[in-house]
Each structure stands twice: as C-alpha cells, then as structure tokens.
Amino acid sequence: KLSPDKLVAVTISRNNGKVEISVTDQGTGFNPDEIDDPIAQENLLKEVGRGIFIIKSLMDLVEIESTDKGTRTTIHKTI
C-alpha cells in the first residue's frame, strides 16, 4: 500500500570506474528468495515480477537487505 509518510532514500557513488546505487525504503520488506521466477512458464504472462530479474541481469552485483522496517537494494556496476 502506498503511503505519503514512508520515505525512500537514494545514494549514488562513483569511484575508479565503479558505480554503486543504493535505494532504501520504509516498506514492509520482502524475502528476495521468495520472488517468483519470471521466466518460468507459469509466470511468462504476468504483468509484474521482472524488476529484480532485469536488475540482476544488467548489474555486476545486487544486494538486497530486507526487514519488516524496509528494504535496501544496492547495485554495483563497473563502467
């Protein structure tokens, strides 16, 4: 559920050709191990569920830390 009281913070850093982007929110959190496989036959026509899959395919490293107080997703890419 969307709430105007919840905050989202974005941090971007670059150092020696490496970029790190961290997005932290105050949502309810989720277990990244429980995300449905978007390329499984039963999920191919779903309109949702591809974001993490796309990010992981494009980035060098994706870290997801989730608790009941929010989620921090950090992505790393060498450019």
N, C-alpha and C. Protein backbone atom coordinates (compact mmCIF):
# COMPACT_ATOMS: atom_id res chain seq x y z
N LYS A 1 0.84 -1.18 0.00
CA LYS A 1 0.00 0.00 0.00
C LYS A 1 0.88 1.24 0.00
N LEU A 2 0.58 2.17 -0.88
CA LEU A 2 1.34 3.41 -0.93
C LEU A 2 1.00 4.31 0.24
N SER A 3 1.99 4.99 0.77
CA SER A 3 1.78 5.89 1.89
C SER A 3 2.67 7.11 1.72
N PRO A 4 2.11 8.31 1.82
CA PRO A 4 2.94 9.52 1.71
C PRO A 4 3.87 9.72 2.90
N ASP A 5 3.67 8.94 3.97
CA ASP A 5 4.51 9.07 5.17
C ASP A 5 5.79 8.25 5.09
N LYS A 6 5.88 7.34 4.13
CA LYS A 6 7.06 6.49 4.01
C LYS A 6 8.10 7.17 3.13
N LEU A 7 9.34 7.03 3.53
CA LEU A 7 10.44 7.68 2.82
C LEU A 7 11.21 6.70 1.96
N VAL A 8 11.78 7.24 0.89
CA VAL A 8 12.69 6.49 0.03
C VAL A 8 13.95 7.33 -0.10
N ALA A 9 15.10 6.71 0.14
CA ALA A 9 16.38 7.41 0.01
C ALA A 9 17.21 6.74 -1.07
N VAL A 10 17.86 7.56 -1.90
CA VAL A 10 18.72 7.05 -2.97
C VAL A 10 20.11 7.64 -2.78
N THR A 11 21.13 6.77 -2.78
CA THR A 11 22.51 7.20 -2.67
C THR A 11 23.27 6.67 -3.88
N ILE A 12 24.02 7.55 -4.54
CA ILE A 12 24.81 7.16 -5.71
C ILE A 12 26.26 7.55 -5.45
N SER A 13 27.16 6.61 -5.66
CA SER A 13 28.58 6.93 -5.52
C SER A 13 29.35 6.34 -6.70
N ARG A 14 30.42 7.02 -7.06
CA ARG A 14 31.28 6.56 -8.15
C ARG A 14 32.72 6.67 -7.70
N ASN A 15 33.49 5.61 -7.97
CA ASN A 15 34.87 5.61 -7.55
C ASN A 15 35.65 4.69 -8.49
N ASN A 16 36.63 5.23 -9.17
CA ASN A 16 37.51 4.44 -10.05
C ASN A 16 36.74 3.58 -11.05
N GLY A 17 35.75 4.17 -11.70
CA GLY A 17 35.01 3.45 -12.72
C GLY A 17 33.98 2.49 -12.20
N LYS A 18 33.71 2.52 -10.92
CA LYS A 18 32.68 1.67 -10.33
C LYS A 18 31.57 2.56 -9.78
N VAL A 19 30.33 2.16 -10.05
CA VAL A 19 29.17 2.90 -9.58
C VAL A 19 28.40 2.03 -8.60
N GLU A 20 27.96 2.64 -7.51
CA GLU A 20 27.12 1.95 -6.53
C GLU A 20 25.88 2.80 -6.31
N ILE A 21 24.73 2.19 -6.46
CA ILE A 21 23.46 2.88 -6.22
C ILE A 21 22.73 2.10 -5.15
N SER A 22 22.30 2.81 -4.12
CA SER A 22 21.59 2.19 -3.01
C SER A 22 20.23 2.87 -2.85
N VAL A 23 19.17 2.07 -2.82
CA VAL A 23 17.81 2.58 -2.64
C VAL A 23 17.27 1.95 -1.36
N THR A 24 16.86 2.79 -0.43
CA THR A 24 16.33 2.32 0.85
C THR A 24 14.91 2.85 1.00
N ASP A 25 13.99 1.96 1.38
CA ASP A 25 12.61 2.40 1.59
C ASP A 25 12.12 1.97 2.97
N GLN A 26 10.97 2.47 3.35
CA GLN A 26 10.38 2.14 4.64
C GLN A 26 9.17 1.23 4.47
N GLY A 27 9.18 0.41 3.45
CA GLY A 27 8.07 -0.51 3.22
C GLY A 27 8.08 -1.67 4.20
N THR A 28 7.24 -2.64 3.95
CA THR A 28 7.09 -3.77 4.86
C THR A 28 8.16 -4.83 4.66
N GLY A 29 8.98 -4.68 3.63
CA GLY A 29 10.04 -5.64 3.36
C GLY A 29 9.53 -6.86 2.62
N PHE A 30 10.44 -7.66 2.11
CA PHE A 30 10.09 -8.89 1.42
C PHE A 30 11.29 -9.81 1.45
N ASN A 31 11.04 -11.08 1.19
CA ASN A 31 12.11 -12.07 1.13
C ASN A 31 12.51 -12.25 -0.33
N PRO A 32 13.70 -11.80 -0.73
CA PRO A 32 14.09 -11.91 -2.13
C PRO A 32 14.21 -13.35 -2.62
N ASP A 33 14.34 -14.30 -1.70
CA ASP A 33 14.41 -15.72 -2.08
C ASP A 33 13.04 -16.27 -2.47
N GLU A 34 11.98 -15.52 -2.17
CA GLU A 34 10.62 -15.98 -2.47
C GLU A 34 10.04 -15.34 -3.73
N ILE A 35 10.85 -14.61 -4.47
CA ILE A 35 10.37 -13.98 -5.70
C ILE A 35 10.17 -15.07 -6.76
N ASP A 36 9.02 -15.02 -7.43
CA ASP A 36 8.75 -16.00 -8.49
C ASP A 36 9.74 -15.82 -9.63
N ASP A 37 10.10 -16.93 -10.25
CA ASP A 37 10.99 -16.91 -11.42
C ASP A 37 10.21 -16.36 -12.61
N PRO A 38 10.58 -15.16 -13.10
CA PRO A 38 9.79 -14.54 -14.18
C PRO A 38 9.90 -15.26 -15.52
N ILE A 39 10.87 -16.17 -15.67
CA ILE A 39 10.97 -16.88 -16.94
C ILE A 39 10.43 -18.31 -16.85
N ALA A 40 9.84 -18.65 -15.69
CA ALA A 40 9.14 -19.94 -15.57
C ALA A 40 7.87 -19.86 -16.40
N GLN A 41 7.49 -20.94 -17.02
CA GLN A 41 6.33 -20.98 -17.94
C GLN A 41 5.09 -20.35 -17.33
N GLU A 42 4.80 -20.64 -16.06
CA GLU A 42 3.57 -20.14 -15.43
C GLU A 42 3.61 -18.64 -15.13
N ASN A 43 4.79 -18.01 -15.25
CA ASN A 43 4.92 -16.59 -14.94
C ASN A 43 5.14 -15.72 -16.17
N LEU A 44 5.27 -16.30 -17.34
CA LEU A 44 5.61 -15.54 -18.54
C LEU A 44 4.60 -14.45 -18.89
N LEU A 45 3.34 -14.66 -18.62
CA LEU A 45 2.32 -13.68 -18.99
C LEU A 45 1.94 -12.73 -17.86
N LYS A 46 2.57 -12.88 -16.70
CA LYS A 46 2.29 -11.96 -15.59
C LYS A 46 2.79 -10.57 -15.94
N GLU A 47 2.07 -9.56 -15.49
CA GLU A 47 2.43 -8.18 -15.77
C GLU A 47 3.41 -7.61 -14.75
N VAL A 48 3.72 -8.35 -13.73
CA VAL A 48 4.63 -7.88 -12.67
C VAL A 48 5.70 -8.93 -12.41
N GLY A 49 6.74 -8.54 -11.67
CA GLY A 49 7.70 -9.52 -11.20
C GLY A 49 8.99 -9.62 -11.97
N ARG A 50 9.30 -8.64 -12.81
CA ARG A 50 10.52 -8.74 -13.61
C ARG A 50 11.62 -7.76 -13.19
N GLY A 51 11.33 -6.84 -12.31
CA GLY A 51 12.28 -5.79 -11.95
C GLY A 51 13.60 -6.31 -11.41
N ILE A 52 13.54 -7.14 -10.38
CA ILE A 52 14.77 -7.68 -9.78
C ILE A 52 15.51 -8.53 -10.80
N PHE A 53 14.79 -9.32 -11.58
CA PHE A 53 15.39 -10.15 -12.62
C PHE A 53 16.18 -9.30 -13.62
N ILE A 54 15.59 -8.20 -14.07
CA ILE A 54 16.26 -7.32 -15.04
C ILE A 54 17.48 -6.67 -14.41
N ILE A 55 17.33 -6.18 -13.19
CA ILE A 55 18.45 -5.53 -12.50
C ILE A 55 19.61 -6.52 -12.35
N LYS A 56 19.32 -7.74 -11.93
CA LYS A 56 20.38 -8.74 -11.75
C LYS A 56 21.06 -9.09 -13.07
N SER A 57 20.33 -9.05 -14.17
CA SER A 57 20.93 -9.39 -15.45
C SER A 57 21.82 -8.26 -15.99
N LEU A 58 21.60 -7.03 -15.54
CA LEU A 58 22.36 -5.89 -16.05
C LEU A 58 23.52 -5.46 -15.15
N MET A 59 23.45 -5.74 -13.87
CA MET A 59 24.44 -5.27 -12.91
C MET A 59 25.47 -6.35 -12.59
N ASP A 60 26.60 -5.92 -12.07
CA ASP A 60 27.65 -6.86 -11.66
C ASP A 60 27.31 -7.54 -10.33
N LEU A 61 26.67 -6.81 -9.43
CA LEU A 61 26.33 -7.34 -8.12
C LEU A 61 25.06 -6.64 -7.64
N VAL A 62 24.13 -7.42 -7.08
CA VAL A 62 22.90 -6.88 -6.50
C VAL A 62 22.78 -7.43 -5.09
N GLU A 63 22.64 -6.53 -4.13
CA GLU A 63 22.47 -6.92 -2.73
C GLU A 63 21.12 -6.42 -2.25
N ILE A 64 20.33 -7.30 -1.64
CA ILE A 64 19.01 -6.93 -1.13
C ILE A 64 18.97 -7.30 0.34
N GLU A 65 18.74 -6.29 1.17
CA GLU A 65 18.61 -6.50 2.61
C GLU A 65 17.20 -6.05 2.98
N SER A 66 16.39 -6.96 3.47
CA SER A 66 15.00 -6.64 3.75
C SER A 66 14.62 -7.04 5.16
N THR A 67 13.93 -6.13 5.86
CA THR A 67 13.41 -6.40 7.19
C THR A 67 11.96 -5.91 7.22
N ASP A 68 11.33 -6.06 8.35
CA ASP A 68 9.95 -5.57 8.48
C ASP A 68 9.89 -4.05 8.52
N LYS A 69 11.04 -3.38 8.59
CA LYS A 69 11.08 -1.92 8.62
C LYS A 69 11.46 -1.32 7.27
N GLY A 70 11.74 -2.16 6.28
CA GLY A 70 12.08 -1.64 4.96
C GLY A 70 13.09 -2.50 4.23
N THR A 71 13.46 -2.02 3.07
CA THR A 71 14.37 -2.76 2.21
C THR A 71 15.44 -1.83 1.67
N ARG A 72 16.68 -2.34 1.63
CA ARG A 72 17.76 -1.61 0.98
C ARG A 72 18.26 -2.49 -0.16
N THR A 73 18.21 -1.95 -1.35
CA THR A 73 18.73 -2.63 -2.54
C THR A 73 19.94 -1.85 -3.01
N THR A 74 21.08 -2.52 -3.12
CA THR A 74 22.31 -1.88 -3.56
C THR A 74 22.79 -2.59 -4.82
N ILE A 75 23.04 -1.81 -5.86
CA ILE A 75 23.51 -2.38 -7.11
C ILE A 75 24.89 -1.82 -7.44
N HIS A 76 25.74 -2.67 -7.99
CA HIS A 76 27.12 -2.30 -8.32
C HIS A 76 27.35 -2.55 -9.80
N LYS A 77 28.04 -1.61 -10.44
CA LYS A 77 28.36 -1.77 -11.87
C LYS A 77 29.70 -1.13 -12.14
N THR A 78 30.57 -1.85 -12.84
CA THR A 78 31.84 -1.30 -13.32
C THR A 78 31.57 -0.72 -14.70
N ILE A 79 31.98 0.54 -14.87
CA ILE A 79 31.74 1.18 -16.18
C ILE A 79 33.04 1.50 -16.88
